[in-house]
Amino acid sequence: MDQTLTGLAAVVTGASGGLGAHFARLLAANGAAVALTARRLDMVEAVAAEIVASGGRAIALKLDVADAQSIGPAFDEIEAALGPISILVNNAGVGGEGLALDLTIEEWDRTFDVNVRGVFFSAQQAAVRMLASGVAAAGTARIVNIASIASHTVLPGLSAYNASKSAVAMLTRSLAREWSRRGIAVNAIAPGYIETDINASWWATEGGQKQLKGFPRRRLMEATDLDATLTMLCGPAARAIAGTLITIDDGQSLPGGG
């Protein structure tokens, strides 16, 4: 694999499993030194140890992005260990499941605290350091927000999640508009449904199978389907890409059914 990210330091939030852990492994395989962060320290430590055992460079830190005050100190610790942050993958997120009539204030706030507030302040703190360290001036500053097809498609029973991911999409464009001239490329990926530990039980149910059969290709995506896009947005190829939301969903958000 072409080591396009060699010498760069990357941060992946929500890296304890699923897409976050996959992204961390991918960035490390492309040469980046990776900081894996999540609320569950033991889980990110396990993934970081795996990366190191494979010849990569990685560290693990406990971080809940809903606690905005803790993000800056965590990023300072990362820079002290790995050097200036060049790449942030804003992956941390929660599902926000629940019908609109049943959602509590606490459930709504938790969804936005992680999915929107956490994304904004992680991006802000990364950008401050990218500008101060000279990474932005050097042209290697990249922020990739992980949105969802919920950014532009109604997923039933997920009003809080839909709203939060729509906010991530517009936030991506807003930050790109402010920071592009200063050398920071901000973009987003909108994945479709990928089987993870969180949703695996749903796809085995009758309702899950019915939903699956409504997808144009009657299947779920694989995490590896996002690899080429993430690598592009984190590397030199993103030089002229700013404020873009790239949907990768195997056609799941197309109107109609299978």
Protein backbone atom coordinates (compact mmCIF):
# COMPACT_ATOMS: atom_id res chain seq x y z
CA MET A 1 0.00 0.00 0.00
CA ASP A 2 1.24 3.49 -0.85
CA GLN A 3 2.37 5.16 2.38
CA THR A 4 0.76 8.50 1.50
CA LEU A 5 0.36 9.54 5.15
CA THR A 6 3.85 8.71 6.37
CA GLY A 7 5.09 11.17 8.97
CA LEU A 8 1.64 12.57 9.76
CA ALA A 9 -0.17 12.32 13.10
CA ALA A 10 -3.87 11.42 13.03
CA VAL A 11 -6.62 11.40 15.65
CA VAL A 12 -9.65 9.13 15.41
CA THR A 13 -12.49 9.73 17.87
CA GLY A 14 -14.83 6.91 18.80
CA ALA A 15 -12.13 4.39 17.89
CA SER A 16 -13.04 1.62 20.34
CA GLY A 17 -14.63 -0.56 17.67
CA GLY A 18 -16.63 -0.61 14.45
CA LEU A 19 -15.77 2.08 11.92
CA GLY A 20 -13.52 4.02 14.29
CA ALA A 21 -11.21 1.08 14.93
CA HIS A 22 -11.26 0.26 11.22
CA PHE A 23 -10.31 3.83 10.29
CA ALA A 24 -7.46 3.82 12.80
CA ARG A 25 -6.04 0.61 11.34
CA LEU A 26 -6.40 2.03 7.82
CA LEU A 27 -4.58 5.27 8.62
CA ALA A 28 -1.81 3.35 10.36
CA ALA A 29 -1.48 1.04 7.36
CA ASN A 30 -1.00 4.15 5.23
CA GLY A 31 1.85 5.35 7.42
CA ALA A 32 0.19 7.70 9.89
CA ALA A 33 0.90 7.70 13.61
CA VAL A 34 -2.56 7.30 15.10
CA ALA A 35 -4.15 8.39 18.38
CA LEU A 36 -7.23 6.34 19.16
CA THR A 37 -9.72 7.95 21.53
CA ALA A 38 -12.97 6.73 23.07
CA ARG A 39 -14.82 6.54 26.37
CA ARG A 40 -13.69 2.92 26.85
CA LEU A 41 -9.93 3.09 27.37
CA ASP A 42 -9.46 -0.68 27.50
CA MET A 43 -10.95 -1.09 24.05
CA VAL A 44 -8.84 1.58 22.33
CA GLU A 45 -5.78 0.24 24.11
CA ALA A 46 -6.43 -3.17 22.55
CA VAL A 47 -6.70 -1.73 19.02
CA ALA A 48 -3.63 0.48 19.54
CA ALA A 49 -1.64 -2.55 20.74
CA GLU A 50 -2.71 -4.44 17.62
CA ILE A 51 -1.48 -1.60 15.40
CA VAL A 52 1.85 -1.43 17.20
CA ALA A 53 2.25 -5.21 16.97
CA SER A 54 1.77 -4.89 13.20
CA GLY A 55 4.61 -2.38 12.96
CA GLY A 56 2.58 0.81 13.19
CA ARG A 57 2.68 3.66 15.65
CA ALA A 58 -0.35 4.27 17.87
CA ILE A 59 -1.44 5.49 21.28
CA ALA A 60 -4.76 5.24 23.13
CA LEU A 61 -6.50 7.88 25.24
CA LYS A 62 -9.76 8.02 27.13
CA LEU A 63 -11.94 10.82 25.73
CA ASP A 64 -15.66 11.55 25.82
CA VAL A 65 -16.20 14.23 23.17
CA ALA A 66 -19.44 15.24 24.90
CA ASP A 67 -17.15 16.74 27.56
CA ALA A 68 -15.90 19.62 25.45
CA GLN A 69 -13.51 20.86 28.12
CA SER A 70 -11.54 17.59 27.93
CA ILE A 71 -10.85 17.71 24.19
CA GLY A 72 -8.10 20.36 24.20
CA PRO A 73 -6.01 18.69 26.94
CA ALA A 74 -6.36 15.33 25.18
CA PHE A 75 -5.13 16.84 21.91
CA ASP A 76 -2.20 18.44 23.74
CA GLU A 77 -1.27 15.02 25.08
CA ILE A 78 -1.52 13.54 21.59
CA GLU A 79 0.77 16.20 20.12
CA ALA A 80 3.31 15.65 22.88
CA ALA A 81 3.38 11.94 22.04
CA LEU A 82 3.03 11.91 18.24
CA GLY A 83 3.85 15.40 17.01
CA PRO A 84 1.60 18.02 15.35
CA ILE A 85 -1.88 16.79 14.47
CA SER A 86 -2.42 16.73 10.71
CA ILE A 87 -5.56 14.59 10.49
CA LEU A 88 -8.75 14.42 12.53
CA VAL A 89 -11.39 11.80 11.80
CA ASN A 90 -14.48 12.90 13.72
CA ASN A 91 -16.07 9.48 14.09
CA ALA A 92 -17.52 9.44 17.62
CA GLY A 93 -21.29 9.20 17.55
CA VAL A 94 -24.37 7.73 19.17
CA GLY A 95 -27.51 6.32 17.58
CA GLY A 96 -30.24 8.51 19.06
CA GLU A 97 -32.89 5.85 18.50
CA GLY A 98 -36.48 6.56 19.45
CA LEU A 99 -39.79 7.70 18.04
CA ALA A 100 -40.29 11.44 18.25
CA LEU A 101 -43.18 11.17 20.71
CA ASP A 102 -41.10 9.01 23.04
CA LEU A 103 -37.76 10.87 23.06
CA THR A 104 -36.76 12.40 26.36
CA ILE A 105 -34.89 15.66 26.75
CA GLU A 106 -31.90 13.71 28.03
CA GLU A 107 -31.87 11.38 25.01
CA TRP A 108 -32.10 14.29 22.57
CA ASP A 109 -29.36 16.22 24.36
CA ARG A 110 -27.06 13.19 24.49
CA THR A 111 -27.40 12.70 20.73
CA PHE A 112 -26.50 16.32 19.99
CA ASP A 113 -23.81 16.51 22.68
CA VAL A 114 -21.87 13.71 20.97
CA ASN A 115 -22.89 13.92 17.31
CA VAL A 116 -22.81 17.71 16.87
CA ARG A 117 -21.22 19.45 19.85
CA GLY A 118 -18.46 16.85 20.04
CA VAL A 119 -17.78 17.11 16.32
CA PHE A 120 -17.61 20.90 16.42
CA PHE A 121 -15.29 21.23 19.41
CA SER A 122 -13.04 18.40 18.25
CA ALA A 123 -12.71 20.15 14.88
CA GLN A 124 -12.14 23.50 16.58
CA GLN A 125 -9.40 22.19 18.86
CA ALA A 126 -7.72 20.33 16.00
CA ALA A 127 -7.84 23.42 13.79
CA VAL A 128 -6.30 25.64 16.46
CA ARG A 129 -3.35 23.27 16.68
CA MET A 130 -3.07 22.78 12.91
CA LEU A 131 -2.74 26.54 12.48
CA ALA A 132 -0.33 27.02 15.38
CA SER A 133 1.98 24.15 14.40
CA GLY A 134 2.31 25.10 10.73
CA VAL A 135 0.56 21.94 9.53
CA ALA A 136 -2.15 24.02 7.86
CA ALA A 137 0.41 26.22 6.11
CA ALA A 138 2.21 23.09 4.92
CA GLY A 139 -0.99 21.87 3.24
CA THR A 140 -1.45 18.62 5.18
CA ALA A 141 -4.29 19.64 7.52
CA ARG A 142 -7.35 17.41 7.08
CA ILE A 143 -10.60 17.10 9.04
CA VAL A 144 -13.02 14.36 8.00
CA ASN A 145 -16.40 14.27 9.71
CA ILE A 146 -18.30 11.00 9.64
CA ALA A 147 -21.90 11.91 8.83
CA SER A 148 -24.48 9.42 7.49
CA ILE A 149 -27.08 9.00 4.79
CA ALA A 150 -29.30 10.36 7.58
CA SER A 151 -27.79 13.73 6.61
CA HIS A 152 -30.08 13.79 3.58
CA THR A 153 -32.42 10.79 3.91
CA VAL A 154 -35.11 10.18 6.52
CA LEU A 155 -34.33 7.06 8.54
CA PRO A 156 -37.60 6.13 10.29
CA GLY A 157 -37.64 6.28 14.07
CA LEU A 158 -34.41 8.24 14.22
CA SER A 159 -35.49 11.88 14.29
CA ALA A 160 -32.75 12.97 16.71
CA TYR A 161 -30.09 11.08 14.78
CA ASN A 162 -31.32 12.43 11.43
CA ALA A 163 -31.26 15.99 12.74
CA SER A 164 -27.80 15.58 14.25
CA LYS A 165 -26.27 14.18 11.08
CA SER A 166 -27.89 16.90 8.97
CA ALA A 167 -26.20 19.35 11.32
CA VAL A 168 -22.85 17.60 10.76
CA ALA A 169 -23.25 18.00 7.00
CA MET A 170 -23.89 21.76 7.23
CA LEU A 171 -21.23 22.17 9.89
CA THR A 172 -18.74 20.57 7.50
CA ARG A 173 -19.55 23.13 4.84
CA SER A 174 -19.45 26.01 7.30
CA LEU A 175 -16.04 25.05 8.70
CA ALA A 176 -14.68 24.46 5.20
CA ARG A 177 -15.83 27.94 4.19
CA GLU A 178 -14.01 29.50 7.16
CA TRP A 179 -10.84 27.43 7.13
CA SER A 180 -10.09 26.52 3.51
CA ARG A 181 -8.19 29.74 2.84
CA ARG A 182 -6.11 29.01 5.95
CA GLY A 183 -5.07 25.60 4.64
CA ILE A 184 -7.42 23.19 6.42
CA ALA A 185 -9.48 20.83 4.25
CA VAL A 186 -12.78 19.94 5.95
CA ASN A 187 -14.97 17.27 4.36
CA ALA A 188 -17.41 14.55 5.35
CA ILE A 189 -18.36 11.00 4.46
CA ALA A 190 -21.99 9.87 4.59
CA PRO A 191 -21.96 6.07 4.91
CA GLY A 192 -24.96 3.82 4.49
CA TYR A 193 -25.77 0.87 6.70
CA ILE A 194 -22.79 -1.25 7.70
CA GLU A 195 -23.16 -4.14 10.14
CA THR A 196 -21.50 -3.37 13.48
CA ASP A 197 -21.76 -4.74 17.01
CA ILE A 198 -24.39 -2.09 17.74
CA ASN A 199 -26.84 -3.05 14.97
CA ALA A 200 -26.00 -6.70 14.25
CA SER A 201 -28.94 -8.06 16.24
CA TRP A 202 -31.40 -5.91 14.25
CA TRP A 203 -30.47 -7.38 10.87
CA ALA A 204 -31.25 -10.88 12.14
CA THR A 205 -34.84 -9.91 12.97
CA GLU A 206 -37.84 -10.04 10.64
CA GLY A 207 -37.93 -6.24 10.51
CA GLY A 208 -34.24 -6.07 9.74
CA GLN A 209 -34.53 -8.57 6.94
CA LYS A 210 -37.47 -6.64 5.48
CA GLN A 211 -35.42 -3.44 5.51
CA LEU A 212 -32.47 -5.22 3.94
CA LYS A 213 -34.61 -6.53 1.09
CA GLY A 214 -35.71 -2.96 0.37
CA PHE A 215 -32.14 -1.92 -0.46
CA PRO A 216 -31.40 -1.91 -4.21
CA ARG A 217 -28.67 -4.53 -3.80
CA ARG A 218 -30.31 -6.36 -0.87
CA ARG A 219 -27.15 -6.32 1.23
CA LEU A 220 -25.22 -4.35 3.83
CA MET A 221 -22.01 -2.53 3.08
CA GLU A 222 -18.58 -3.48 4.38
CA ALA A 223 -16.36 -1.09 6.31
CA THR A 224 -13.72 -1.52 3.61
CA ASP A 225 -16.09 0.14 1.13
CA LEU A 226 -15.12 3.45 2.76
CA ASP A 227 -11.35 2.92 2.59
CA ALA A 228 -10.56 4.64 -0.70
CA THR A 229 -12.61 7.72 0.17
CA LEU A 230 -11.22 8.12 3.67
CA THR A 231 -7.66 7.69 2.44
CA MET A 232 -8.24 10.26 -0.29
CA LEU A 233 -9.77 12.84 2.07
CA CYS A 234 -6.94 12.43 4.60
CA GLY A 235 -4.12 12.64 2.07
CA PRO A 236 -2.64 14.78 -0.71
CA ALA A 237 -5.57 14.05 -3.04
CA ALA A 238 -7.80 16.29 -0.91
CA ARG A 239 -5.80 19.37 -1.87
CA ALA A 240 -8.70 20.77 -3.91
CA ILE A 241 -11.61 19.18 -2.00
CA ALA A 242 -13.38 21.37 0.55
CA GLY A 243 -16.83 21.26 2.16
CA THR A 244 -17.81 18.11 0.32
CA LEU A 245 -20.15 15.40 1.62
CA ILE A 246 -19.42 12.12 -0.14
CA THR A 247 -22.20 9.55 0.08
CA ILE A 248 -21.13 5.91 0.02
CA ASP A 249 -24.17 3.76 0.63
CA ASP A 250 -24.45 1.04 -2.04
CA GLY A 251 -27.54 2.86 -3.32
CA GLN A 252 -29.40 2.51 -0.01
CA SER A 253 -30.67 6.09 -0.02
CA LEU A 254 -32.06 5.88 -3.56
CA PRO A 255 -35.85 6.30 -3.67
CA GLY A 256 -37.99 3.23 -4.11
CA GLY A 257 -37.24 -0.32 -3.12
CA GLY A 258 -35.73 -3.46 -4.50
